[in-house]
Every structure is written in C-alpha cells, then in structure tokens.
Amino acid sequence: MAVRKVRCPQCGEYSLWSTENPWRPFCSERCKQIDLGCWANESYRVPVVETTDVPVDGDVL
C-alpha cells in the first residue's frame, strides 16, 4: 500500500500522512509549533460581515 503524501499546511513541503509522522499533517515539529502560535495570537480569523439591519415588527433576532 502506497504511503500518502500531503503538503504541509505551514511551509508547503510534502510530508508523509502516516503513523510514522508524529506531526502530521505538518512536516516537522517546527511547522506545527508555528501554526499553533498563529492560532494563539489570533492571526487566523474568520471574516465577519457586520450588519446594521434593524429588526422589523414581527422579526425575531
């Protein structure tokens, strides 16, 4: 059975997707820690569109 290779979400290099790679889907512990740091300092955000709509009679928020 062929071992699946995936791109590391941090650096883009190929890494093995197997139990032999303890950092999967990352290629190394360094890339995993960089990604964790980005989450911790809130670099990754989901965009939010704020609305100024005022509810009309009968509308439920």
PDB file of N, CA and C in Angstrom:
ATOM      1  N   MET A   1       0.833  -1.180   0.000  1.00  0.00           N
ATOM      2  CA  MET A   1       0.000   0.000   0.000  1.00  0.00           C
ATOM      3  C   MET A   1       0.881   1.249   0.000  1.00  0.00           C
ATOM      4  N   ALA A   2       0.591   2.182  -0.881  1.00  0.00           N
ATOM      5  CA  ALA A   2       1.390   3.392  -1.004  1.00  0.00           C
ATOM      6  C   ALA A   2       1.108   4.343   0.158  1.00  0.00           C
ATOM      7  N   VAL A   3       2.157   5.006   0.613  1.00  0.00           N
ATOM      8  CA  VAL A   3       2.011   5.992   1.680  1.00  0.00           C
ATOM      9  C   VAL A   3       1.594   7.310   1.047  1.00  0.00           C
ATOM     10  N   ARG A   4       0.585   7.901   1.611  1.00  0.00           N
ATOM     11  CA  ARG A   4       0.046   9.155   1.075  1.00  0.00           C
ATOM     12  C   ARG A   4       0.940  10.323   1.480  1.00  0.00           C
ATOM     13  N   LYS A   5       1.219  11.198   0.518  1.00  0.00           N
ATOM     14  CA  LYS A   5       1.987  12.407   0.786  1.00  0.00           C
ATOM     15  C   LYS A   5       1.049  13.602   0.678  1.00  0.00           C
ATOM     16  N   VAL A   6       1.140  14.503   1.651  1.00  0.00           N
ATOM     17  CA  VAL A   6       0.317  15.708   1.661  1.00  0.00           C
ATOM     18  C   VAL A   6       1.232  16.908   1.838  1.00  0.00           C
ATOM     19  N   ARG A   7       0.736  18.062   1.447  1.00  0.00           N
ATOM     20  CA  ARG A   7       1.513  19.286   1.634  1.00  0.00           C
ATOM     21  C   ARG A   7       1.344  19.785   3.063  1.00  0.00           C
ATOM     22  N   CYS A   8       2.430  20.201   3.655  1.00  0.00           N
ATOM     23  CA  CYS A   8       2.417  20.768   4.994  1.00  0.00           C
ATOM     24  C   CYS A   8       1.636  22.080   4.938  1.00  0.00           C
ATOM     25  N   PRO A   9       0.645  22.273   5.811  1.00  0.00           N
ATOM     26  CA  PRO A   9      -0.153  23.497   5.771  1.00  0.00           C
ATOM     27  C   PRO A   9       0.654  24.746   6.098  1.00  0.00           C
ATOM     28  N   GLN A  10       1.817  24.589   6.712  1.00  0.00           N
ATOM     29  CA  GLN A  10       2.604  25.756   7.100  1.00  0.00           C
ATOM     30  C   GLN A  10       3.620  26.152   6.034  1.00  0.00           C
ATOM     31  N   CYS A  11       4.445  25.207   5.592  1.00  0.00           N
ATOM     32  CA  CYS A  11       5.532  25.561   4.666  1.00  0.00           C
ATOM     33  C   CYS A  11       5.301  25.090   3.232  1.00  0.00           C
ATOM     34  N   GLY A  12       4.369  24.144   3.030  1.00  0.00           N
ATOM     35  CA  GLY A  12       4.065  23.680   1.679  1.00  0.00           C
ATOM     36  C   GLY A  12       4.895  22.499   1.213  1.00  0.00           C
ATOM     37  N   GLU A  13       5.865  22.060   2.009  1.00  0.00           N
ATOM     38  CA  GLU A  13       6.659  20.894   1.638  1.00  0.00           C
ATOM     39  C   GLU A  13       5.810  19.632   1.798  1.00  0.00           C
ATOM     40  N   TYR A  14       6.180  18.584   1.081  1.00  0.00           N
ATOM     41  CA  TYR A  14       5.460  17.324   1.199  1.00  0.00           C
ATOM     42  C   TYR A  14       5.861  16.597   2.477  1.00  0.00           C
ATOM     43  N   SER A  15       4.870  15.984   3.107  1.00  0.00           N
ATOM     44  CA  SER A  15       5.130  15.173   4.289  1.00  0.00           C
ATOM     45  C   SER A  15       4.303  13.901   4.199  1.00  0.00           C
ATOM     46  N   LEU A  16       4.712  12.888   4.936  1.00  0.00           N
ATOM     47  CA  LEU A  16       4.012  11.612   4.907  1.00  0.00           C
ATOM     48  C   LEU A  16       2.795  11.651   5.819  1.00  0.00           C
ATOM     49  N   TRP A  17       1.682  11.145   5.316  1.00  0.00           N
ATOM     50  CA  TRP A  17       0.472  11.023   6.123  1.00  0.00           C
ATOM     51  C   TRP A  17       0.426   9.586   6.612  1.00  0.00           C
ATOM     52  N   SER A  18       1.117   9.343   7.711  1.00  0.00           N
ATOM     53  CA  SER A  18       1.142   8.001   8.276  1.00  0.00           C
ATOM     54  C   SER A  18       1.427   8.111   9.769  1.00  0.00           C
ATOM     55  N   THR A  19       1.264   7.003  10.453  1.00  0.00           N
ATOM     56  CA  THR A  19       1.535   6.990  11.890  1.00  0.00           C
ATOM     57  C   THR A  19       3.016   7.179  12.185  1.00  0.00           C
ATOM     58  N   GLU A  20       3.858   7.023  11.181  1.00  0.00           N
ATOM     59  CA  GLU A  20       5.294   7.238  11.353  1.00  0.00           C
ATOM     60  C   GLU A  20       5.636   8.714  11.471  1.00  0.00           C
ATOM     61  N   ASN A  21       4.731   9.601  11.053  1.00  0.00           N
ATOM     62  CA  ASN A  21       4.950  11.043  11.143  1.00  0.00           C
ATOM     63  C   ASN A  21       4.144  11.586  12.337  1.00  0.00           C
ATOM     64  N   PRO A  22       4.785  11.811  13.475  1.00  0.00           N
ATOM     65  CA  PRO A  22       4.058  12.244  14.666  1.00  0.00           C
ATOM     66  C   PRO A  22       3.495  13.663  14.560  1.00  0.00           C
ATOM     67  N   TRP A  23       3.917  14.438  13.562  1.00  0.00           N
ATOM     68  CA  TRP A  23       3.462  15.827  13.420  1.00  0.00           C
ATOM     69  C   TRP A  23       2.434  16.003  12.317  1.00  0.00           C
ATOM     70  N   ARG A  24       1.934  14.904  11.735  1.00  0.00           N
ATOM     71  CA  ARG A  24       1.020  15.039  10.610  1.00  0.00           C
ATOM     72  C   ARG A  24      -0.163  15.912  10.951  1.00  0.00           C
ATOM     73  N   PRO A  25      -0.612  16.747  10.081  1.00  0.00           N
ATOM     74  CA  PRO A  25      -0.286  16.877   8.667  1.00  0.00           C
ATOM     75  C   PRO A  25       0.939  17.750   8.405  1.00  0.00           C
ATOM     76  N   PHE A  26       1.618  18.190   9.461  1.00  0.00           N
ATOM     77  CA  PHE A  26       2.798  19.036   9.297  1.00  0.00           C
ATOM     78  C   PHE A  26       4.021  18.186   8.995  1.00  0.00           C
ATOM     79  N   CYS A  27       5.049  18.820   8.437  1.00  0.00           N
ATOM     80  CA  CYS A  27       6.255  18.069   8.087  1.00  0.00           C
ATOM     81  C   CYS A  27       7.222  17.968   9.255  1.00  0.00           C
ATOM     82  N   SER A  28       7.082  18.861  10.238  1.00  0.00           N
ATOM     83  CA  SER A  28       8.007  18.853  11.368  1.00  0.00           C
ATOM     84  C   SER A  28       7.352  19.469  12.597  1.00  0.00           C
ATOM     85  N   GLU A  29       8.010  19.292  13.734  1.00  0.00           N
ATOM     86  CA  GLU A  29       7.519  19.897  14.967  1.00  0.00           C
ATOM     87  C   GLU A  29       7.551  21.421  14.854  1.00  0.00           C
ATOM     88  N   ARG A  30       8.566  21.942  14.168  1.00  0.00           N
ATOM     89  CA  ARG A  30       8.683  23.396  13.988  1.00  0.00           C
ATOM     90  C   ARG A  30       7.454  23.971  13.294  1.00  0.00           C
ATOM     91  N   CYS A  31       7.031  23.366  12.190  1.00  0.00           N
ATOM     92  CA  CYS A  31       5.864  23.858  11.459  1.00  0.00           C
ATOM     93  C   CYS A  31       4.603  23.748  12.311  1.00  0.00           C
ATOM     94  N   LYS A  32       4.499  22.675  13.093  1.00  0.00           N
ATOM     95  CA  LYS A  32       3.345  22.504  13.970  1.00  0.00           C
ATOM     96  C   LYS A  32       3.314  23.606  15.026  1.00  0.00           C
ATOM     97  N   GLN A  33       4.460  23.952  15.594  1.00  0.00           N
ATOM     98  CA  GLN A  33       4.535  24.996  16.615  1.00  0.00           C
ATOM     99  C   GLN A  33       4.271  26.381  16.027  1.00  0.00           C
ATOM    100  N   ILE A  34       4.726  26.637  14.825  1.00  0.00           N
ATOM    101  CA  ILE A  34       4.444  27.914  14.164  1.00  0.00           C
ATOM    102  C   ILE A  34       2.947  28.072  13.963  1.00  0.00           C
ATOM    103  N   ASP A  35       2.285  27.008  13.505  1.00  0.00           N
ATOM    104  CA  ASP A  35       0.845  27.043  13.287  1.00  0.00           C
ATOM    105  C   ASP A  35       0.097  27.264  14.613  1.00  0.00           C
ATOM    106  N   LEU A  36       0.516  26.582  15.656  1.00  0.00           N
ATOM    107  CA  LEU A  36      -0.101  26.759  16.964  1.00  0.00           C
ATOM    108  C   LEU A  36       0.059  28.195  17.444  1.00  0.00           C
ATOM    109  N   GLY A  37       1.228  28.777  17.222  1.00  0.00           N
ATOM    110  CA  GLY A  37       1.469  30.171  17.600  1.00  0.00           C
ATOM    111  C   GLY A  37       0.561  31.133  16.859  1.00  0.00           C
ATOM    112  N   CYS A  38       0.297  30.864  15.598  1.00  0.00           N
ATOM    113  CA  CYS A  38      -0.609  31.715  14.816  1.00  0.00           C
ATOM    114  C   CYS A  38      -2.022  31.662  15.386  1.00  0.00           C
ATOM    115  N   TRP A  39      -2.462  30.485  15.801  1.00  0.00           N
ATOM    116  CA  TRP A  39      -3.787  30.366  16.424  1.00  0.00           C
ATOM    117  C   TRP A  39      -3.803  31.092  17.766  1.00  0.00           C
ATOM    118  N   ALA A  40      -2.718  30.936  18.550  1.00  0.00           N
ATOM    119  CA  ALA A  40      -2.670  31.522  19.884  1.00  0.00           C
ATOM    120  C   ALA A  40      -2.684  33.047  19.855  1.00  0.00           C
ATOM    121  N   ASN A  41      -2.019  33.656  18.867  1.00  0.00           N
ATOM    122  CA  ASN A  41      -2.018  35.126  18.820  1.00  0.00           C
ATOM    123  C   ASN A  41      -3.100  35.676  17.898  1.00  0.00           C
ATOM    124  N   GLU A  42      -4.037  34.810  17.523  1.00  0.00           N
ATOM    125  CA  GLU A  42      -5.213  35.167  16.737  1.00  0.00           C
ATOM    126  C   GLU A  42      -4.890  35.733  15.348  1.00  0.00           C
ATOM    127  N   SER A  43      -3.830  35.207  14.737  1.00  0.00           N
ATOM    128  CA  SER A  43      -3.512  35.590  13.353  1.00  0.00           C
ATOM    129  C   SER A  43      -4.522  35.007  12.380  1.00  0.00           C
ATOM    130  N   TYR A  44      -5.062  33.839  12.725  1.00  0.00           N
ATOM    131  CA  TYR A  44      -6.081  33.216  11.891  1.00  0.00           C
ATOM    132  C   TYR A  44      -7.437  33.703  12.380  1.00  0.00           C
ATOM    133  N   ARG A  45      -8.211  34.277  11.482  1.00  0.00           N
ATOM    134  CA  ARG A  45      -9.531  34.776  11.845  1.00  0.00           C
ATOM    135  C   ARG A  45     -10.531  34.436  10.760  1.00  0.00           C
ATOM    136  N   VAL A  46     -11.750  34.264  11.175  1.00  0.00           N
ATOM    137  CA  VAL A  46     -12.852  34.051  10.246  1.00  0.00           C
ATOM    138  C   VAL A  46     -13.477  35.420  10.001  1.00  0.00           C
ATOM    139  N   PRO A  47     -13.558  35.849   8.738  1.00  0.00           N
ATOM    140  CA  PRO A  47     -14.125  37.170   8.471  1.00  0.00           C
ATOM    141  C   PRO A  47     -15.602  37.240   8.857  1.00  0.00           C
ATOM    142  N   VAL A  48     -15.977  38.365   9.438  1.00  0.00           N
ATOM    143  CA  VAL A  48     -17.356  38.580   9.865  1.00  0.00           C
ATOM    144  C   VAL A  48     -17.881  39.822   9.181  1.00  0.00           C
ATOM    145  N   VAL A  49     -19.071  39.714   8.625  1.00  0.00           N
ATOM    146  CA  VAL A  49     -19.714  40.857   8.000  1.00  0.00           C
ATOM    147  C   VAL A  49     -20.746  41.376   8.991  1.00  0.00           C
ATOM    148  N   GLU A  50     -20.515  42.578   9.480  1.00  0.00           N
ATOM    149  CA  GLU A  50     -21.453  43.152  10.437  1.00  0.00           C
ATOM    150  C   GLU A  50     -22.568  43.849   9.689  1.00  0.00           C
ATOM    151  N   THR A  51     -23.776  43.684  10.185  1.00  0.00           N
ATOM    152  CA  THR A  51     -24.916  44.331   9.562  1.00  0.00           C
ATOM    153  C   THR A  51     -25.498  45.362  10.514  1.00  0.00           C
ATOM    154  N   THR A  52     -26.131  46.334   9.940  1.00  0.00           N
ATOM    155  CA  THR A  52     -26.776  47.377  10.743  1.00  0.00           C
ATOM    156  C   THR A  52     -28.284  47.287  10.580  1.00  0.00           C
ATOM    157  N   ASP A  53     -28.750  46.096  10.184  1.00  0.00           N
ATOM    158  CA  ASP A  53     -30.190  45.903   9.981  1.00  0.00           C
ATOM    159  C   ASP A  53     -30.929  46.081  11.296  1.00  0.00           C
ATOM    160  N   VAL A  54     -32.010  46.799  11.214  1.00  0.00           N
ATOM    161  CA  VAL A  54     -32.902  46.981  12.360  1.00  0.00           C
ATOM    162  C   VAL A  54     -34.074  46.035  12.173  1.00  0.00           C
ATOM    163  N   PRO A  55     -34.403  45.242  13.210  1.00  0.00           N
ATOM    164  CA  PRO A  55     -35.499  44.304  13.054  1.00  0.00           C
ATOM    165  C   PRO A  55     -36.834  45.025  12.791  1.00  0.00           C
ATOM    166  N   VAL A  56     -37.603  44.445  11.879  1.00  0.00           N
ATOM    167  CA  VAL A  56     -38.919  44.964  11.544  1.00  0.00           C
ATOM    168  C   VAL A  56     -39.933  44.290  12.465  1.00  0.00           C
ATOM    169  N   ASP A  57     -41.052  44.916  12.738  1.00  0.00           N
ATOM    170  CA  ASP A  57     -42.065  44.327  13.608  1.00  0.00           C
ATOM    171  C   ASP A  57     -42.330  42.876  13.217  1.00  0.00           C
ATOM    172  N   GLY A  58     -42.266  42.008  14.181  1.00  0.00           N
ATOM    173  CA  GLY A  58     -42.539  40.591  13.923  1.00  0.00           C
ATOM    174  C   GLY A  58     -41.284  39.787  13.659  1.00  0.00           C
ATOM    175  N   ASP A  59     -40.149  40.440  13.347  1.00  0.00           N
ATOM    176  CA  ASP A  59     -38.891  39.716  13.103  1.00  0.00           C
ATOM    177  C   ASP A  59     -38.302  39.294  14.449  1.00  0.00           C
ATOM    178  N   VAL A  60     -37.713  38.142  14.470  1.00  0.00           N
ATOM    179  CA  VAL A  60     -37.074  37.624  15.671  1.00  0.00           C
ATOM    180  C   VAL A  60     -35.579  37.645  15.440  1.00  0.00           C
ATOM    181  N   LEU A  61     -34.858  38.104  16.426  1.00  0.00           N
ATOM    182  CA  LEU A  61     -33.412  38.128  16.315  1.00  0.00           C
ATOM    183  C   LEU A  61     -32.824  36.773  16.604  1.00  0.00           C
TER     184      LEU A  61
END
